[in-house]
Amino acid sequence: MDCVFCKIRDGELPAEFEYRDDHVMVFKDLNPVAPYHYLVVPTEHIESINQAGAAAAESLTNLFLAAEHVAKKLGFEKNGYRCVINTGANAGQVVMHLHMHLLAGREFSWPPG
């Protein structure tokens, strides 16, 4: 498999981890769009929400719990933060491994995009 996130998981590529356990890894995005931009990635390879299904419910829960943990650890809850999951090419998903963007450190507008 030629998945960059699986290579990071397996130690084949470096990453600056903010959090990691057996189910989720959180590391800085190499191309940040906010002062604080982390990727929250399940260690299980799931291409996108479209492929998650009920069997991945625990992985999805762990994704959100890790985002909450890092946001609180770094103090983002005071001024707010944004969690984004892009699904498919038209939505901006570049790496076809489910992941959440955790963004903070500036004001975000609505609607996004």
PDB file of N, CA and C in Angstrom:
ATOM      1  N   MET A   1       0.854  -1.179   0.000  1.00  0.00           N
ATOM      2  CA  MET A   1       0.000   0.000   0.000  1.00  0.00           C
ATOM      3  C   MET A   1       0.896   1.238   0.000  1.00  0.00           C
ATOM      4  N   ASP A   2       0.536   2.224  -0.767  1.00  0.00           N
ATOM      5  CA  ASP A   2       1.326   3.440  -0.886  1.00  0.00           C
ATOM      6  C   ASP A   2       0.621   4.600  -0.189  1.00  0.00           C
ATOM      7  N   CYS A   3       0.200   4.387   1.056  1.00  0.00           N
ATOM      8  CA  CYS A   3      -0.526   5.401   1.815  1.00  0.00           C
ATOM      9  C   CYS A   3       0.445   6.126   2.741  1.00  0.00           C
ATOM     10  N   VAL A   4       0.535   7.445   2.597  1.00  0.00           N
ATOM     11  CA  VAL A   4       1.470   8.234   3.403  1.00  0.00           C
ATOM     12  C   VAL A   4       1.160   8.120   4.894  1.00  0.00           C
ATOM     13  N   PHE A   5      -0.125   8.069   5.276  1.00  0.00           N
ATOM     14  CA  PHE A   5      -0.458   7.974   6.696  1.00  0.00           C
ATOM     15  C   PHE A   5      -0.121   6.597   7.253  1.00  0.00           C
ATOM     16  N   CYS A   6      -0.274   5.555   6.449  1.00  0.00           N
ATOM     17  CA  CYS A   6       0.134   4.217   6.894  1.00  0.00           C
ATOM     18  C   CYS A   6       1.649   4.151   7.051  1.00  0.00           C
ATOM     19  N   LYS A   7       2.373   4.846   6.179  1.00  0.00           N
ATOM     20  CA  LYS A   7       3.834   4.892   6.307  1.00  0.00           C
ATOM     21  C   LYS A   7       4.258   5.647   7.566  1.00  0.00           C
ATOM     22  N   ILE A   8       3.535   6.706   7.913  1.00  0.00           N
ATOM     23  CA  ILE A   8       3.810   7.416   9.162  1.00  0.00           C
ATOM     24  C   ILE A   8       3.497   6.498  10.336  1.00  0.00           C
ATOM     25  N   ARG A   9       2.366   5.821  10.293  1.00  0.00           N
ATOM     26  CA  ARG A   9       1.989   4.881  11.350  1.00  0.00           C
ATOM     27  C   ARG A   9       3.057   3.818  11.573  1.00  0.00           C
ATOM     28  N   ASP A  10       3.613   3.321  10.461  1.00  0.00           N
ATOM     29  CA  ASP A  10       4.588   2.233  10.518  1.00  0.00           C
ATOM     30  C   ASP A  10       6.023   2.706  10.751  1.00  0.00           C
ATOM     31  N   GLY A  11       6.219   4.033  10.887  1.00  0.00           N
ATOM     32  CA  GLY A  11       7.544   4.568  11.152  1.00  0.00           C
ATOM     33  C   GLY A  11       8.417   4.711   9.923  1.00  0.00           C
ATOM     34  N   GLU A  12       7.838   4.540   8.741  1.00  0.00           N
ATOM     35  CA  GLU A  12       8.607   4.677   7.499  1.00  0.00           C
ATOM     36  C   GLU A  12       8.795   6.133   7.103  1.00  0.00           C
ATOM     37  N   LEU A  13       7.934   7.017   7.583  1.00  0.00           N
ATOM     38  CA  LEU A  13       8.043   8.460   7.360  1.00  0.00           C
ATOM     39  C   LEU A  13       7.955   9.159   8.705  1.00  0.00           C
ATOM     40  N   PRO A  14       8.679  10.265   8.877  1.00  0.00           N
ATOM     41  CA  PRO A  14       8.657  10.965  10.165  1.00  0.00           C
ATOM     42  C   PRO A  14       7.411  11.836  10.315  1.00  0.00           C
ATOM     43  N   ALA A  15       7.048  12.082  11.543  1.00  0.00           N
ATOM     44  CA  ALA A  15       5.974  13.014  11.860  1.00  0.00           C
ATOM     45  C   ALA A  15       6.230  13.556  13.256  1.00  0.00           C
ATOM     46  N   GLU A  16       5.772  14.778  13.496  1.00  0.00           N
ATOM     47  CA  GLU A  16       5.890  15.397  14.814  1.00  0.00           C
ATOM     48  C   GLU A  16       4.576  15.150  15.563  1.00  0.00           C
ATOM     49  N   PHE A  17       4.550  14.085  16.356  1.00  0.00           N
ATOM     50  CA  PHE A  17       3.322  13.668  17.032  1.00  0.00           C
ATOM     51  C   PHE A  17       3.004  14.561  18.226  1.00  0.00           C
ATOM     52  N   GLU A  18       1.748  14.950  18.309  1.00  0.00           N
ATOM     53  CA  GLU A  18       1.221  15.633  19.486  1.00  0.00           C
ATOM     54  C   GLU A  18       0.569  14.611  20.409  1.00  0.00           C
ATOM     55  N   TYR A  19       0.070  13.544  19.812  1.00  0.00           N
ATOM     56  CA  TYR A  19      -0.596  12.473  20.563  1.00  0.00           C
ATOM     57  C   TYR A  19      -0.552  11.211  19.720  1.00  0.00           C
ATOM     58  N   ARG A  20      -0.436  10.077  20.407  1.00  0.00           N
ATOM     59  CA  ARG A  20      -0.476   8.805  19.687  1.00  0.00           C
ATOM     60  C   ARG A  20      -0.825   7.691  20.663  1.00  0.00           C
ATOM     61  N   ASP A  21      -1.717   6.803  20.221  1.00  0.00           N
ATOM     62  CA  ASP A  21      -2.002   5.583  20.959  1.00  0.00           C
ATOM     63  C   ASP A  21      -2.184   4.465  19.934  1.00  0.00           C
ATOM     64  N   ASP A  22      -2.721   3.346  20.338  1.00  0.00           N
ATOM     65  CA  ASP A  22      -2.871   2.212  19.414  1.00  0.00           C
ATOM     66  C   ASP A  22      -3.909   2.452  18.328  1.00  0.00           C
ATOM     67  N   HIS A  23      -4.781   3.456  18.519  1.00  0.00           N
ATOM     68  CA  HIS A  23      -5.914   3.654  17.613  1.00  0.00           C
ATOM     69  C   HIS A  23      -5.849   4.930  16.781  1.00  0.00           C
ATOM     70  N   VAL A  24      -5.145   5.937  17.286  1.00  0.00           N
ATOM     71  CA  VAL A  24      -5.150   7.262  16.656  1.00  0.00           C
ATOM     72  C   VAL A  24      -3.767   7.889  16.772  1.00  0.00           C
ATOM     73  N   MET A  25      -3.423   8.678  15.765  1.00  0.00           N
ATOM     74  CA  MET A  25      -2.204   9.483  15.841  1.00  0.00           C
ATOM     75  C   MET A  25      -2.557  10.911  15.440  1.00  0.00           C
ATOM     76  N   VAL A  26      -1.954  11.868  16.133  1.00  0.00           N
ATOM     77  CA  VAL A  26      -2.197  13.280  15.872  1.00  0.00           C
ATOM     78  C   VAL A  26      -0.841  13.937  15.657  1.00  0.00           C
ATOM     79  N   PHE A  27      -0.691  14.577  14.504  1.00  0.00           N
ATOM     80  CA  PHE A  27       0.589  15.211  14.180  1.00  0.00           C
ATOM     81  C   PHE A  27       0.350  16.469  13.377  1.00  0.00           C
ATOM     82  N   LYS A  28       1.376  17.317  13.332  1.00  0.00           N
ATOM     83  CA  LYS A  28       1.275  18.588  12.611  1.00  0.00           C
ATOM     84  C   LYS A  28       1.146  18.358  11.116  1.00  0.00           C
ATOM     85  N   ASP A  29       0.292  19.172  10.492  1.00  0.00           N
ATOM     86  CA  ASP A  29       0.140  19.147   9.041  1.00  0.00           C
ATOM     87  C   ASP A  29       1.359  19.819   8.421  1.00  0.00           C
ATOM     88  N   LEU A  30       1.883  19.248   7.360  1.00  0.00           N
ATOM     89  CA  LEU A  30       3.055  19.832   6.690  1.00  0.00           C
ATOM     90  C   LEU A  30       2.726  21.099   5.911  1.00  0.00           C
ATOM     91  N   ASN A  31       1.449  21.290   5.595  1.00  0.00           N
ATOM     92  CA  ASN A  31       1.004  22.476   4.857  1.00  0.00           C
ATOM     93  C   ASN A  31      -0.108  23.162   5.644  1.00  0.00           C
ATOM     94  N   PRO A  32       0.218  23.795   6.762  1.00  0.00           N
ATOM     95  CA  PRO A  32      -0.822  24.351   7.625  1.00  0.00           C
ATOM     96  C   PRO A  32      -1.580  25.503   6.986  1.00  0.00           C
ATOM     97  N   VAL A  33      -2.886  25.562   7.297  1.00  0.00           N
ATOM     98  CA  VAL A  33      -3.732  26.664   6.837  1.00  0.00           C
ATOM     99  C   VAL A  33      -4.231  27.496   8.019  1.00  0.00           C
ATOM    100  N   ALA A  34      -3.693  27.211   9.195  1.00  0.00           N
ATOM    101  CA  ALA A  34      -4.014  27.952  10.410  1.00  0.00           C
ATOM    102  C   ALA A  34      -2.761  27.933  11.290  1.00  0.00           C
ATOM    103  N   PRO A  35      -2.684  28.844  12.254  1.00  0.00           N
ATOM    104  CA  PRO A  35      -1.519  28.831  13.134  1.00  0.00           C
ATOM    105  C   PRO A  35      -1.285  27.473  13.814  1.00  0.00           C
ATOM    106  N   TYR A  36      -2.371  26.784  14.138  1.00  0.00           N
ATOM    107  CA  TYR A  36      -2.288  25.424  14.669  1.00  0.00           C
ATOM    108  C   TYR A  36      -3.099  24.530  13.743  1.00  0.00           C
ATOM    109  N   HIS A  37      -2.438  23.567  13.135  1.00  0.00           N
ATOM    110  CA  HIS A  37      -3.096  22.682  12.167  1.00  0.00           C
ATOM    111  C   HIS A  37      -2.547  21.274  12.374  1.00  0.00           C
ATOM    112  N   TYR A  38      -3.390  20.428  12.912  1.00  0.00           N
ATOM    113  CA  TYR A  38      -3.021  19.041  13.182  1.00  0.00           C
ATOM    114  C   TYR A  38      -3.895  18.102  12.366  1.00  0.00           C
ATOM    115  N   LEU A  39      -3.357  16.941  12.071  1.00  0.00           N
ATOM    116  CA  LEU A  39      -4.120  15.877  11.436  1.00  0.00           C
ATOM    117  C   LEU A  39      -4.388  14.812  12.488  1.00  0.00           C
ATOM    118  N   VAL A  40      -5.633  14.402  12.582  1.00  0.00           N
ATOM    119  CA  VAL A  40      -6.061  13.362  13.512  1.00  0.00           C
ATOM    120  C   VAL A  40      -6.402  12.158  12.649  1.00  0.00           C
ATOM    121  N   VAL A  41      -5.624  11.080  12.784  1.00  0.00           N
ATOM    122  CA  VAL A  41      -5.672   9.973  11.828  1.00  0.00           C
ATOM    123  C   VAL A  41      -5.855   8.646  12.562  1.00  0.00           C
ATOM    124  N   PRO A  42      -6.868   7.863  12.181  1.00  0.00           N
ATOM    125  CA  PRO A  42      -6.965   6.528  12.773  1.00  0.00           C
ATOM    126  C   PRO A  42      -5.816   5.650  12.269  1.00  0.00           C
ATOM    127  N   THR A  43      -5.299   4.797  13.131  1.00  0.00           N
ATOM    128  CA  THR A  43      -4.224   3.912  12.697  1.00  0.00           C
ATOM    129  C   THR A  43      -4.750   2.850  11.730  1.00  0.00           C
ATOM    130  N   GLU A  44      -6.018   2.526  11.849  1.00  0.00           N
ATOM    131  CA  GLU A  44      -6.649   1.595  10.909  1.00  0.00           C
ATOM    132  C   GLU A  44      -6.829   2.312   9.568  1.00  0.00           C
ATOM    133  N   HIS A  45      -6.440   1.661   8.479  1.00  0.00           N
ATOM    134  CA  HIS A  45      -6.616   2.292   7.171  1.00  0.00           C
ATOM    135  C   HIS A  45      -8.082   2.187   6.749  1.00  0.00           C
ATOM    136  N   ILE A  46      -8.723   3.352   6.708  1.00  0.00           N
ATOM    137  CA  ILE A  46     -10.088   3.500   6.202  1.00  0.00           C
ATOM    138  C   ILE A  46      -9.983   4.604   5.163  1.00  0.00           C
ATOM    139  N   GLU A  47     -10.409   4.339   3.946  1.00  0.00           N
ATOM    140  CA  GLU A  47     -10.211   5.314   2.876  1.00  0.00           C
ATOM    141  C   GLU A  47     -10.925   6.632   3.152  1.00  0.00           C
ATOM    142  N   SER A  48     -12.186   6.573   3.531  1.00  0.00           N
ATOM    143  CA  SER A  48     -12.951   7.793   3.801  1.00  0.00           C
ATOM    144  C   SER A  48     -14.186   7.423   4.615  1.00  0.00           C
ATOM    145  N   ILE A  49     -14.980   8.408   4.951  1.00  0.00           N
ATOM    146  CA  ILE A  49     -16.239   8.136   5.649  1.00  0.00           C
ATOM    147  C   ILE A  49     -17.097   7.186   4.824  1.00  0.00           C
ATOM    148  N   ASN A  50     -17.018   7.291   3.511  1.00  0.00           N
ATOM    149  CA  ASN A  50     -17.818   6.420   2.643  1.00  0.00           C
ATOM    150  C   ASN A  50     -17.509   4.944   2.829  1.00  0.00           C
ATOM    151  N   GLN A  51     -16.309   4.621   3.283  1.00  0.00           N
ATOM    152  CA  GLN A  51     -15.927   3.236   3.477  1.00  0.00           C
ATOM    153  C   GLN A  51     -15.935   2.830   4.955  1.00  0.00           C
ATOM    154  N   ALA A  52     -16.265   3.742   5.850  1.00  0.00           N
ATOM    155  CA  ALA A  52     -16.169   3.457   7.284  1.00  0.00           C
ATOM    156  C   ALA A  52     -17.192   2.414   7.724  1.00  0.00           C
ATOM    157  N   GLY A  53     -18.445   2.665   7.512  1.00  0.00           N
ATOM    158  CA  GLY A  53     -19.486   1.730   7.924  1.00  0.00           C
ATOM    159  C   GLY A  53     -19.539   1.539   9.432  1.00  0.00           C
ATOM    160  N   ALA A  54     -20.478   0.735   9.860  1.00  0.00           N
ATOM    161  CA  ALA A  54     -20.693   0.490  11.286  1.00  0.00           C
ATOM    162  C   ALA A  54     -19.495  -0.181  11.946  1.00  0.00           C
ATOM    163  N   ALA A  55     -18.752  -0.972  11.201  1.00  0.00           N
ATOM    164  CA  ALA A  55     -17.595  -1.673  11.763  1.00  0.00           C
ATOM    165  C   ALA A  55     -16.514  -0.711  12.234  1.00  0.00           C
ATOM    166  N   ALA A  56     -16.513   0.493  11.708  1.00  0.00           N
ATOM    167  CA  ALA A  56     -15.493   1.477  12.066  1.00  0.00           C
ATOM    168  C   ALA A  56     -15.976   2.462  13.128  1.00  0.00           C
ATOM    169  N   ALA A  57     -17.086   2.178  13.775  1.00  0.00           N
ATOM    170  CA  ALA A  57     -17.644   3.107  14.764  1.00  0.00           C
ATOM    171  C   ALA A  57     -16.638   3.423  15.864  1.00  0.00           C
ATOM    172  N   GLU A  58     -15.925   2.430  16.337  1.00  0.00           N
ATOM    173  CA  GLU A  58     -14.941   2.661  17.393  1.00  0.00           C
ATOM    174  C   GLU A  58     -13.800   3.541  16.894  1.00  0.00           C
ATOM    175  N   SER A  59     -13.347   3.322  15.653  1.00  0.00           N
ATOM    176  CA  SER A  59     -12.286   4.160  15.085  1.00  0.00           C
ATOM    177  C   SER A  59     -12.743   5.607  14.965  1.00  0.00           C
ATOM    178  N   LEU A  60     -13.987   5.812  14.562  1.00  0.00           N
ATOM    179  CA  LEU A  60     -14.507   7.170  14.429  1.00  0.00           C
ATOM    180  C   LEU A  60     -14.644   7.844  15.789  1.00  0.00           C
ATOM    181  N   THR A  61     -15.096   7.098  16.779  1.00  0.00           N
ATOM    182  CA  THR A  61     -15.187   7.639  18.136  1.00  0.00           C
ATOM    183  C   THR A  61     -13.806   8.039  18.643  1.00  0.00           C
ATOM    184  N   ASN A  62     -12.833   7.163  18.443  1.00  0.00           N
ATOM    185  CA  ASN A  62     -11.464   7.462  18.878  1.00  0.00           C
ATOM    186  C   ASN A  62     -10.904   8.698  18.191  1.00  0.00           C
ATOM    187  N   LEU A  63     -11.289   8.914  16.932  1.00  0.00           N
ATOM    188  CA  LEU A  63     -10.848  10.087  16.183  1.00  0.00           C
ATOM    189  C   LEU A  63     -11.308  11.367  16.891  1.00  0.00           C
ATOM    190  N   PHE A  64     -12.584  11.411  17.258  1.00  0.00           N
ATOM    191  CA  PHE A  64     -13.131  12.598  17.912  1.00  0.00           C
ATOM    192  C   PHE A  64     -12.600  12.757  19.334  1.00  0.00           C
ATOM    193  N   LEU A  65     -12.416  11.667  20.048  1.00  0.00           N
ATOM    194  CA  LEU A  65     -11.876  11.755  21.400  1.00  0.00           C
ATOM    195  C   LEU A  65     -10.434  12.263  21.388  1.00  0.00           C
ATOM    196  N   ALA A  66      -9.654  11.838  20.414  1.00  0.00           N
ATOM    197  CA  ALA A  66      -8.272  12.323  20.295  1.00  0.00           C
ATOM    198  C   ALA A  66      -8.251  13.808  19.950  1.00  0.00           C
ATOM    199  N   ALA A  67      -9.139  14.244  19.064  1.00  0.00           N
ATOM    200  CA  ALA A  67      -9.214  15.671  18.719  1.00  0.00           C
ATOM    201  C   ALA A  67      -9.567  16.490  19.956  1.00  0.00           C
ATOM    202  N   GLU A  68     -10.526  16.016  20.735  1.00  0.00           N
ATOM    203  CA  GLU A  68     -10.914  16.712  21.963  1.00  0.00           C
ATOM    204  C   GLU A  68      -9.739  16.768  22.939  1.00  0.00           C
ATOM    205  N   HIS A  69      -9.052  15.662  23.093  1.00  0.00           N
ATOM    206  CA  HIS A  69      -7.906  15.589  24.012  1.00  0.00           C
ATOM    207  C   HIS A  69      -6.831  16.616  23.635  1.00  0.00           C
ATOM    208  N   VAL A  70      -6.454  16.645  22.361  1.00  0.00           N
ATOM    209  CA  VAL A  70      -5.406  17.560  21.913  1.00  0.00           C
ATOM    210  C   VAL A  70      -5.878  19.013  22.024  1.00  0.00           C
ATOM    211  N   ALA A  71      -7.129  19.280  21.662  1.00  0.00           N
ATOM    212  CA  ALA A  71      -7.658  20.646  21.760  1.00  0.00           C
ATOM    213  C   ALA A  71      -7.609  21.147  23.198  1.00  0.00           C
ATOM    214  N   LYS A  72      -7.982  20.298  24.132  1.00  0.00           N
ATOM    215  CA  LYS A  72      -7.940  20.706  25.548  1.00  0.00           C
ATOM    216  C   LYS A  72      -6.500  20.835  26.028  1.00  0.00           C
ATOM    217  N   LYS A  73      -5.651  19.901  25.645  1.00  0.00           N
ATOM    218  CA  LYS A  73      -4.245  19.929  26.054  1.00  0.00           C
ATOM    219  C   LYS A  73      -3.564  21.219  25.612  1.00  0.00           C
ATOM    220  N   LEU A  74      -3.892  21.674  24.400  1.00  0.00           N
ATOM    221  CA  LEU A  74      -3.251  22.865  23.840  1.00  0.00           C
ATOM    222  C   LEU A  74      -4.031  24.150  24.119  1.00  0.00           C
ATOM    223  N   GLY A  75      -5.153  24.047  24.827  1.00  0.00           N
ATOM    224  CA  GLY A  75      -5.917  25.221  25.226  1.00  0.00           C
ATOM    225  C   GLY A  75      -6.796  25.819  24.140  1.00  0.00           C
ATOM    226  N   PHE A  76      -7.142  25.046  23.132  1.00  0.00           N
ATOM    227  CA  PHE A  76      -7.949  25.580  22.032  1.00  0.00           C
ATOM    228  C   PHE A  76      -9.402  25.838  22.428  1.00  0.00           C
ATOM    229  N   GLU A  77      -9.888  25.168  23.479  1.00  0.00           N
ATOM    230  CA  GLU A  77     -11.309  25.298  23.818  1.00  0.00           C
ATOM    231  C   GLU A  77     -11.661  26.717  24.261  1.00  0.00           C
ATOM    232  N   LYS A  78     -10.681  27.494  24.703  1.00  0.00           N
ATOM    233  CA  LYS A  78     -10.956  28.861  25.168  1.00  0.00           C
ATOM    234  C   LYS A  78     -11.503  29.734  24.043  1.00  0.00           C
ATOM    235  N   ASN A  79     -10.839  29.746  22.895  1.00  0.00           N
ATOM    236  CA  ASN A  79     -11.252  30.599  21.773  1.00  0.00           C
ATOM    237  C   ASN A  79     -11.918  29.832  20.648  1.00  0.00           C
ATOM    238  N   GLY A  80     -11.910  28.522  20.735  1.00  0.00           N
ATOM    239  CA  GLY A  80     -12.569  27.701  19.728  1.00  0.00           C
ATOM    240  C   GLY A  80     -11.600  27.096  18.728  1.00  0.00           C
ATOM    241  N   TYR A  81     -12.076  26.093  18.068  1.00  0.00           N
ATOM    242  CA  TYR A  81     -11.296  25.383  17.058  1.00  0.00           C
ATOM    243  C   TYR A  81     -12.258  24.748  16.070  1.00  0.00           C
ATOM    244  N   ARG A  82     -11.724  24.302  14.965  1.00  0.00           N
ATOM    245  CA  ARG A  82     -12.543  23.691  13.917  1.00  0.00           C
ATOM    246  C   ARG A  82     -11.997  22.304  13.618  1.00  0.00           C
ATOM    247  N   CYS A  83     -12.918  21.356  13.450  1.00  0.00           N
ATOM    248  CA  CYS A  83     -12.586  20.000  13.015  1.00  0.00           C
ATOM    249  C   CYS A  83     -13.231  19.793  11.651  1.00  0.00           C
ATOM    250  N   VAL A  84     -12.436  19.339  10.691  1.00  0.00           N
ATOM    251  CA  VAL A  84     -12.910  19.175   9.315  1.00  0.00           C
ATOM    252  C   VAL A  84     -12.522  17.794   8.808  1.00  0.00           C
ATOM    253  N   ILE A  85     -13.483  17.108   8.215  1.00  0.00           N
ATOM    254  CA  ILE A  85     -13.206  15.848   7.526  1.00  0.00           C
ATOM    255  C   ILE A  85     -13.636  16.029   6.079  1.00  0.00           C
ATOM    256  N   ASN A  86     -12.674  15.991   5.175  1.00  0.00           N
ATOM    257  CA  ASN A  86     -12.969  16.061   3.743  1.00  0.00           C
ATOM    258  C   ASN A  86     -13.180  14.638   3.235  1.00  0.00           C
ATOM    259  N   THR A  87     -14.201  14.459   2.421  1.00  0.00           N
ATOM    260  CA  THR A  87     -14.505  13.135   1.886  1.00  0.00           C
ATOM    261  C   THR A  87     -14.579  13.207   0.372  1.00  0.00           C
ATOM    262  N   GLY A  88     -13.581  12.646  -0.295  1.00  0.00           N
ATOM    263  CA  GLY A  88     -13.542  12.632  -1.759  1.00  0.00           C
ATOM    264  C   GLY A  88     -12.794  13.822  -2.334  1.00  0.00           C
ATOM    265  N   ALA A  89     -12.410  13.661  -3.578  1.00  0.00           N
ATOM    266  CA  ALA A  89     -11.581  14.659  -4.260  1.00  0.00           C
ATOM    267  C   ALA A  89     -12.250  16.032  -4.343  1.00  0.00           C
ATOM    268  N   ASN A  90     -13.547  16.095  -4.653  1.00  0.00           N
ATOM    269  CA  ASN A  90     -14.220  17.391  -4.778  1.00  0.00           C
ATOM    270  C   ASN A  90     -14.298  18.137  -3.452  1.00  0.00           C
ATOM    271  N   ALA A  91     -14.207  17.420  -2.350  1.00  0.00           N
ATOM    272  CA  ALA A  91     -14.232  18.054  -1.029  1.00  0.00           C
ATOM    273  C   ALA A  91     -12.835  18.433  -0.557  1.00  0.00           C
ATOM    274  N   GLY A  92     -11.815  18.038  -1.311  1.00  0.00           N
ATOM    275  CA  GLY A  92     -10.448  18.387  -0.959  1.00  0.00           C
ATOM    276  C   GLY A  92      -9.654  17.283  -0.289  1.00  0.00           C
ATOM    277  N   GLN A  93     -10.187  16.061  -0.257  1.00  0.00           N
ATOM    278  CA  GLN A  93      -9.421  14.965   0.331  1.00  0.00           C
ATOM    279  C   GLN A  93      -8.284  14.601  -0.607  1.00  0.00           C
ATOM    280  N   VAL A  94      -7.051  14.787  -0.142  1.00  0.00           N
ATOM    281  CA  VAL A  94      -5.864  14.523  -0.952  1.00  0.00           C
ATOM    282  C   VAL A  94      -5.284  13.153  -0.627  1.00  0.00           C
ATOM    283  N   VAL A  95      -5.191  12.840   0.656  1.00  0.00           N
ATOM    284  CA  VAL A  95      -4.713  11.519   1.082  1.00  0.00           C
ATOM    285  C   VAL A  95      -5.939  10.645   1.314  1.00  0.00           C
ATOM    286  N   MET A  96      -6.012   9.534   0.620  1.00  0.00           N
ATOM    287  CA  MET A  96      -7.180   8.665   0.710  1.00  0.00           C
ATOM    288  C   MET A  96      -7.048   7.701   1.899  1.00  0.00           C
ATOM    289  N   HIS A  97      -6.955   8.307   3.064  1.00  0.00           N
ATOM    290  CA  HIS A  97      -6.975   7.635   4.366  1.00  0.00           C
ATOM    291  C   HIS A  97      -7.738   8.608   5.251  1.00  0.00           C
ATOM    292  N   LEU A  98      -8.856   8.177   5.776  1.00  0.00           N
ATOM    293  CA  LEU A  98      -9.701   9.024   6.602  1.00  0.00           C
ATOM    294  C   LEU A  98      -8.860   9.805   7.609  1.00  0.00           C
ATOM    295  N   HIS A  99      -9.109  11.095   7.706  1.00  0.00           N
ATOM    296  CA  HIS A  99      -8.417  11.930   8.683  1.00  0.00           C
ATOM    297  C   HIS A  99      -9.214  13.198   8.938  1.00  0.00           C
ATOM    298  N   MET A 100      -8.979  13.773  10.094  1.00  0.00           N
ATOM    299  CA  MET A 100      -9.645  15.004  10.492  1.00  0.00           C
ATOM    300  C   MET A 100      -8.591  16.100  10.630  1.00  0.00           C
ATOM    301  N   HIS A 101      -8.915  17.281  10.144  1.00  0.00           N
ATOM    302  CA  HIS A 101      -8.066  18.450  10.340  1.00  0.00           C
ATOM    303  C   HIS A 101      -8.545  19.147  11.616  1.00  0.00           C
ATOM    304  N   LEU A 102      -7.628  19.390  12.534  1.00  0.00           N
ATOM    305  CA  LEU A 102      -7.904  20.130  13.756  1.00  0.00           C
ATOM    306  C   LEU A 102      -7.209  21.479  13.600  1.00  0.00           C
ATOM    307  N   LEU A 103      -8.002  22.539  13.495  1.00  0.00           N
ATOM    308  CA  LEU A 103      -7.497  23.875  13.186  1.00  0.00           C
ATOM    309  C   LEU A 103      -7.807  24.844  14.322  1.00  0.00           C
ATOM    310  N   ALA A 104      -6.839  25.680  14.659  1.00  0.00           N
ATOM    311  CA  ALA A 104      -7.049  26.661  15.723  1.00  0.00           C
ATOM    312  C   ALA A 104      -6.053  27.807  15.562  1.00  0.00           C
ATOM    313  N   GLY A 105      -6.280  28.850  16.372  1.00  0.00           N
ATOM    314  CA  GLY A 105      -5.327  29.950  16.413  1.00  0.00           C
ATOM    315  C   GLY A 105      -5.701  31.157  15.588  1.00  0.00           C
ATOM    316  N   ARG A 106      -6.856  31.124  14.968  1.00  0.00           N
ATOM    317  CA  ARG A 106      -7.343  32.300  14.241  1.00  0.00           C
ATOM    318  C   ARG A 106      -8.854  32.189  14.134  1.00  0.00           C
ATOM    319  N   GLU A 107      -9.491  33.270  13.720  1.00  0.00           N
ATOM    320  CA  GLU A 107     -10.935  33.248  13.509  1.00  0.00           C
ATOM    321  C   GLU A 107     -11.224  32.614  12.158  1.00  0.00           C
ATOM    322  N   PHE A 108     -12.233  31.764  12.111  1.00  0.00           N
ATOM    323  CA  PHE A 108     -12.639  31.102  10.869  1.00  0.00           C
ATOM    324  C   PHE A 108     -13.953  31.671  10.403  1.00  0.00           C
ATOM    325  N   SER A 109     -14.104  31.778   9.106  1.00  0.00           N
ATOM    326  CA  SER A 109     -15.358  32.314   8.559  1.00  0.00           C
ATOM    327  C   SER A 109     -16.317  31.161   8.242  1.00  0.00           C
ATOM    328  N   TRP A 110     -17.572  31.538   8.018  1.00  0.00           N
ATOM    329  CA  TRP A 110     -18.592  30.582   7.631  1.00  0.00           C
ATOM    330  C   TRP A 110     -19.404  31.198   6.523  1.00  0.00           C
ATOM    331  N   PRO A 111     -19.716  30.525   5.471  1.00  0.00           N
ATOM    332  CA  PRO A 111     -19.417  29.121   5.247  1.00  0.00           C
ATOM    333  C   PRO A 111     -17.966  28.926   4.801  1.00  0.00           C
ATOM    334  N   PRO A 112     -17.406  27.734   5.092  1.00  0.00           N
ATOM    335  CA  PRO A 112     -16.042  27.444   4.657  1.00  0.00           C
ATOM    336  C   PRO A 112     -15.989  27.213   3.161  1.00  0.00           C
ATOM    337  N   GLY A 113     -14.798  27.235   2.625  1.00  0.00           N
ATOM    338  CA  GLY A 113     -14.627  26.930   1.197  1.00  0.00           C
ATOM    339  C   GLY A 113     -15.007  28.042   0.387  1.00  0.00           C
TER     340      GLY A 113
END
